Protein backbone atom coordinates (compact mmCIF):
# COMPACT_ATOMS: atom_id res chain seq x y z
CA MET A 1 -11.74 -6.96 27.09
CA GLN A 2 -8.52 -5.87 25.42
CA PRO A 3 -8.54 -6.70 21.68
CA ALA A 4 -6.14 -9.26 20.33
CA LEU A 5 -2.99 -7.75 19.00
CA PRO A 6 -2.13 -8.46 15.36
CA TRP A 7 0.96 -10.49 16.24
CA GLN A 8 -1.21 -12.73 18.45
CA VAL A 9 -3.41 -13.67 15.49
CA GLY A 10 -0.82 -15.76 13.70
CA SER A 11 2.88 -15.97 13.02
CA ILE A 12 2.62 -14.91 9.37
CA LEU A 13 0.98 -11.51 9.86
CA PRO A 14 3.84 -9.66 11.59
CA TRP A 15 6.27 -10.88 8.94
CA LEU A 16 3.81 -9.85 6.22
CA ASP A 17 3.71 -6.41 7.81
CA LEU A 18 7.49 -6.04 7.95
CA PHE A 19 7.78 -7.34 4.39
CA GLY A 20 5.28 -4.78 3.14
CA ILE A 21 7.02 -2.00 5.05
CA ALA A 22 10.42 -2.99 3.63
CA VAL A 23 9.11 -3.14 0.06
CA PHE A 24 7.33 0.20 0.34
CA ALA A 25 10.41 1.74 1.93
CA SER A 26 12.47 0.55 -1.03
CA THR A 27 10.07 2.27 -3.45
CA GLY A 28 10.45 5.48 -1.48
CA ALA A 29 14.24 5.26 -1.55
CA LEU A 30 14.14 4.51 -5.28
CA ALA A 31 11.94 7.52 -5.93
CA ALA A 32 14.65 9.67 -4.33
CA THR A 33 17.69 8.00 -5.91
CA GLN A 34 16.14 8.12 -9.39
CA ARG A 35 16.09 11.89 -8.96
CA ASN A 36 19.75 11.96 -7.87
CA GLN A 37 18.92 12.96 -4.31
CA THR A 38 21.14 12.55 -1.25
CA LEU A 39 21.21 9.59 1.12
CA VAL A 40 19.40 11.70 3.73
CA THR A 41 16.57 12.36 1.29
CA ALA A 42 16.45 8.69 0.33
CA THR A 43 16.14 7.60 3.97
CA PHE A 44 13.39 10.16 4.60
CA PHE A 45 11.49 8.96 1.53
CA ALA A 46 11.93 5.36 2.65
CA LEU A 47 10.60 6.07 6.14
CA ILE A 48 7.61 8.17 5.12
CA THR A 49 6.61 5.72 2.40
CA GLY A 50 7.06 2.68 4.61
CA VAL A 51 5.08 3.93 7.60
CA GLY A 52 2.74 6.52 6.06
CA GLY A 53 -0.25 4.28 5.41
CA GLY A 54 0.04 2.39 8.67
CA SER A 55 0.32 5.61 10.65
CA VAL A 56 -2.90 6.99 9.17
CA ARG A 57 -4.61 3.64 9.80
CA ASP A 58 -3.61 3.60 13.47
CA LEU A 59 -4.76 7.17 13.98
CA LEU A 60 -8.13 6.37 12.41
CA ILE A 61 -8.76 3.27 14.51
CA GLY A 62 -7.54 4.99 17.67
CA VAL A 63 -4.50 2.91 18.62
CA PRO A 64 -0.84 3.88 19.25
CA VAL A 65 1.03 4.53 16.01
CA PHE A 66 2.80 1.24 15.42
CA TRP A 67 6.30 2.24 14.38
CA VAL A 68 6.82 4.67 17.27
CA HIS A 69 6.70 1.74 19.71
CA ASP A 70 8.44 -0.88 17.55
CA PRO A 71 12.25 -0.83 17.44
CA LEU A 72 12.37 -2.79 14.18
CA VAL A 73 10.29 -0.69 11.79
CA ALA A 74 12.36 2.48 11.56
CA GLY A 75 15.54 0.38 11.39
CA VAL A 76 14.10 -1.67 8.50
CA CYS A 77 13.19 1.47 6.57
CA LEU A 78 16.58 3.09 7.09
CA GLY A 79 18.41 -0.15 6.30
CA VAL A 80 16.49 -0.59 3.07
CA ALA A 81 17.30 2.99 2.06
CA VAL A 82 21.02 2.39 2.58
CA LEU A 83 20.82 -0.88 0.65
CA VAL A 84 19.13 0.83 -2.32
CA TRP A 85 21.64 3.67 -2.16
CA TRP A 86 24.68 1.40 -2.36
CA THR A 87 23.43 -1.05 -5.00
CA PRO A 88 24.13 -0.54 -8.72
CA VAL A 89 21.72 1.71 -10.63
CA ARG A 90 21.17 -1.03 -13.25
CA TRP A 91 19.41 -3.17 -10.63
CA TRP A 92 16.57 -0.67 -10.40
CA ARG A 93 15.91 0.22 -14.01
CA GLY A 94 12.72 -0.42 -15.91
CA ALA A 95 9.55 -1.37 -14.06
CA THR A 96 11.28 -2.41 -10.83
CA LEU A 97 9.58 0.33 -8.83
CA ALA A 98 6.12 -0.68 -10.08
CA TRP A 99 6.66 -4.38 -9.32
CA LEU A 100 8.05 -3.74 -5.85
CA ASP A 101 5.14 -1.43 -5.17
CA ALA A 102 2.72 -4.17 -6.27
CA VAL A 103 4.19 -6.64 -3.79
CA GLY A 104 4.10 -4.13 -0.95
CA LEU A 105 0.57 -3.08 -1.86
CA ALA A 106 -0.81 -6.60 -1.53
CA ALA A 107 1.03 -7.46 1.68
CA TYR A 108 0.29 -4.19 3.42
CA ALA A 109 -3.40 -4.19 2.45
CA VAL A 110 -3.86 -7.59 4.07
CA PHE A 111 -2.05 -6.64 7.25
CA GLY A 112 -3.94 -3.36 7.54
CA ALA A 113 -7.27 -5.16 7.32
CA ALA A 114 -6.11 -7.84 9.77
CA LYS A 115 -5.02 -5.28 12.34
CA ALA A 116 -8.29 -3.40 12.05
CA LEU A 117 -10.24 -6.63 12.59
CA ALA A 118 -8.06 -7.48 15.58
CA PHE A 119 -9.00 -4.19 17.23
CA GLY A 120 -12.72 -4.75 16.75
CA VAL A 121 -13.32 -2.68 13.61
CA PRO A 122 -16.36 -3.99 11.65
CA PRO A 123 -15.66 -5.87 8.40
CA ILE A 124 -16.33 -3.15 5.81
CA PRO A 125 -14.39 -0.40 7.63
CA ALA A 126 -11.65 -2.96 8.32
CA ALA A 127 -11.30 -3.62 4.59
CA LEU A 128 -11.13 0.13 3.99
CA MET A 129 -8.39 0.39 6.62
CA GLY A 130 -6.47 -2.14 4.57
CA VAL A 131 -6.81 0.07 1.50
CA VAL A 132 -5.66 3.13 3.47
CA THR A 133 -2.68 1.18 4.83
CA ALA A 134 -1.64 0.07 1.36
CA CYS A 135 -2.19 3.28 -0.60
CA VAL A 136 -1.42 6.31 1.56
CA GLY A 137 2.34 5.73 1.75
CA GLY A 138 2.59 5.58 -2.04
CA ILE A 139 0.47 8.69 -2.39
CA ILE A 140 2.76 10.61 -0.01
CA ARG A 141 5.80 9.35 -1.92
CA ASP A 142 4.41 10.53 -5.25
CA VAL A 143 3.47 13.94 -3.88
CA LEU A 144 6.93 14.48 -2.36
CA ALA A 145 8.59 13.32 -5.58
CA GLY A 146 6.47 15.65 -7.70
CA GLU A 147 4.86 12.74 -9.56
CA PRO A 148 1.17 12.47 -10.46
CA SER A 149 -0.47 10.50 -7.68
CA ILE A 150 -1.33 6.89 -8.44
CA LEU A 151 -4.92 7.86 -7.66
CA MET A 152 -4.93 10.07 -10.75
CA ARG A 153 -3.90 7.27 -13.09
CA PRO A 154 -6.48 4.96 -14.68
CA GLU A 155 -4.58 1.71 -14.04
CA LEU A 156 -5.80 -0.64 -11.33
CA TYR A 157 -4.14 0.21 -8.02
CA VAL A 158 -6.65 0.99 -5.29
CA THR A 159 -8.80 -1.79 -6.75
CA ALA A 160 -6.00 -4.30 -6.19
CA ALA A 161 -5.58 -3.14 -2.60
CA ALA A 162 -9.33 -3.43 -2.08
CA LEU A 163 -9.29 -6.96 -3.48
CA ALA A 164 -6.51 -8.01 -1.10
CA ALA A 165 -8.03 -6.38 1.97
CA GLY A 166 -11.59 -7.40 1.12
CA SER A 167 -10.60 -10.98 0.40
CA HIS A 168 -8.88 -11.29 3.76
CA VAL A 169 -11.88 -9.87 5.62
CA ALA A 170 -14.28 -12.13 3.71
CA LEU A 171 -12.20 -15.27 4.24
CA VAL A 172 -11.87 -14.60 7.96
CA ALA A 173 -15.63 -13.99 8.18
CA LEU A 174 -16.17 -17.37 6.52
CA GLY A 175 -14.08 -19.05 9.20
CA VAL A 176 -10.76 -19.40 7.36
CA PRO A 177 -7.83 -19.10 9.81
CA PRO A 178 -5.96 -15.78 9.38
CA THR A 179 -2.71 -17.67 8.71
CA MET A 180 -4.36 -19.16 5.60
CA ALA A 181 -6.49 -16.17 4.66
CA ALA A 182 -3.57 -13.73 4.65
CA PRO A 183 -1.41 -15.32 1.92
CA ILE A 184 -4.44 -16.17 -0.23
CA ALA A 185 -5.68 -12.59 -0.10
CA ALA A 186 -2.20 -11.14 -0.69
CA ILE A 187 -1.69 -13.33 -3.75
CA ALA A 188 -5.08 -12.28 -5.14
CA GLY A 189 -4.29 -8.59 -4.72
CA PHE A 190 -0.82 -8.97 -6.22
CA ALA A 191 -2.16 -10.96 -9.18
CA LEU A 192 -4.61 -8.20 -10.06
CA ARG A 193 -2.00 -5.47 -9.75
CA ALA A 194 0.50 -7.53 -11.75
CA ALA A 195 -2.06 -8.01 -14.52
CA ALA A 196 -2.67 -4.26 -14.55
CA ILE A 197 1.06 -3.59 -14.89
CA ARG A 198 1.62 -6.27 -17.52
CA TRP A 199 -1.40 -5.59 -19.73
CA ARG A 200 -2.19 -2.01 -18.69
CA ILE A 201 -5.63 -2.94 -17.41
CA ALA A 202 -7.59 0.08 -16.29
CA LEU A 203 -11.07 0.96 -15.16
CA PRO A 204 -13.12 3.07 -17.56
CA ALA A 205 -12.65 6.76 -16.92
CA TYR A 206 -15.44 9.27 -16.62
CA GLY A 207 -15.91 11.33 -19.78
CA ARG A 208 -18.39 13.37 -21.68
CA SER A 209 -18.95 13.97 -25.33
CA ASP A 210 -18.50 17.47 -26.67
CA ASP A 211 -22.25 17.86 -26.89
CA GLN A 212 -22.59 17.03 -23.20
CA ALA A 213 -19.63 19.13 -22.13
CA THR A 214 -20.96 22.24 -23.92
CA PRO A 215 -24.70 22.59 -23.37
CA THR A 216 -26.68 23.77 -26.35
CA PRO A 217 -28.28 27.17 -25.77
CA PRO A 218 -32.02 26.95 -25.51
CA ALA A 219 -34.07 27.85 -28.59
CA ARG A 220 -35.53 31.31 -28.54
């Protein structure tokens, strides 16, 4: 039997997907414009950031790459890039990039998990597909922009994506309709990421004391 397509699960999920794509695309365009790059570079950054995570997800679960067969996605990414390019610089100062990224992270994590579930992926791998969907685009953006990847920073990021994706999978498993589970899970993921941005919450990093880092020579 052919698996249910994500847009057949509920009316909110496709819009959540497009919203996440648009927000991530805007962060890609901002990463380019903040470095005084051209409009062409901004549109490329917007596209690769917007579709990067979803493309990897689709390849992993063995389905056609979504944006190649959808006339809206590439247009949304390019339109967002042009919008960012023509708006005043003062609109995008401060932590705008981080907050936009937090919104896109939560929305995209939920949709990625929902699509994986719709194509018959088991719950735990489906939640991981949500994390991949939400994080890979930002990782590609940071690498192209020459920034340290978000994975190399201690602040909560992947954890927030995991909370959003895992919450959606868990709620659906408990019998909550996807149209209710999706916004609840997205809000949970965004709340955690927002708290990390606001109060710089981070997981403890691995470290060793000097004594552990430099072994003492054995006694002779």
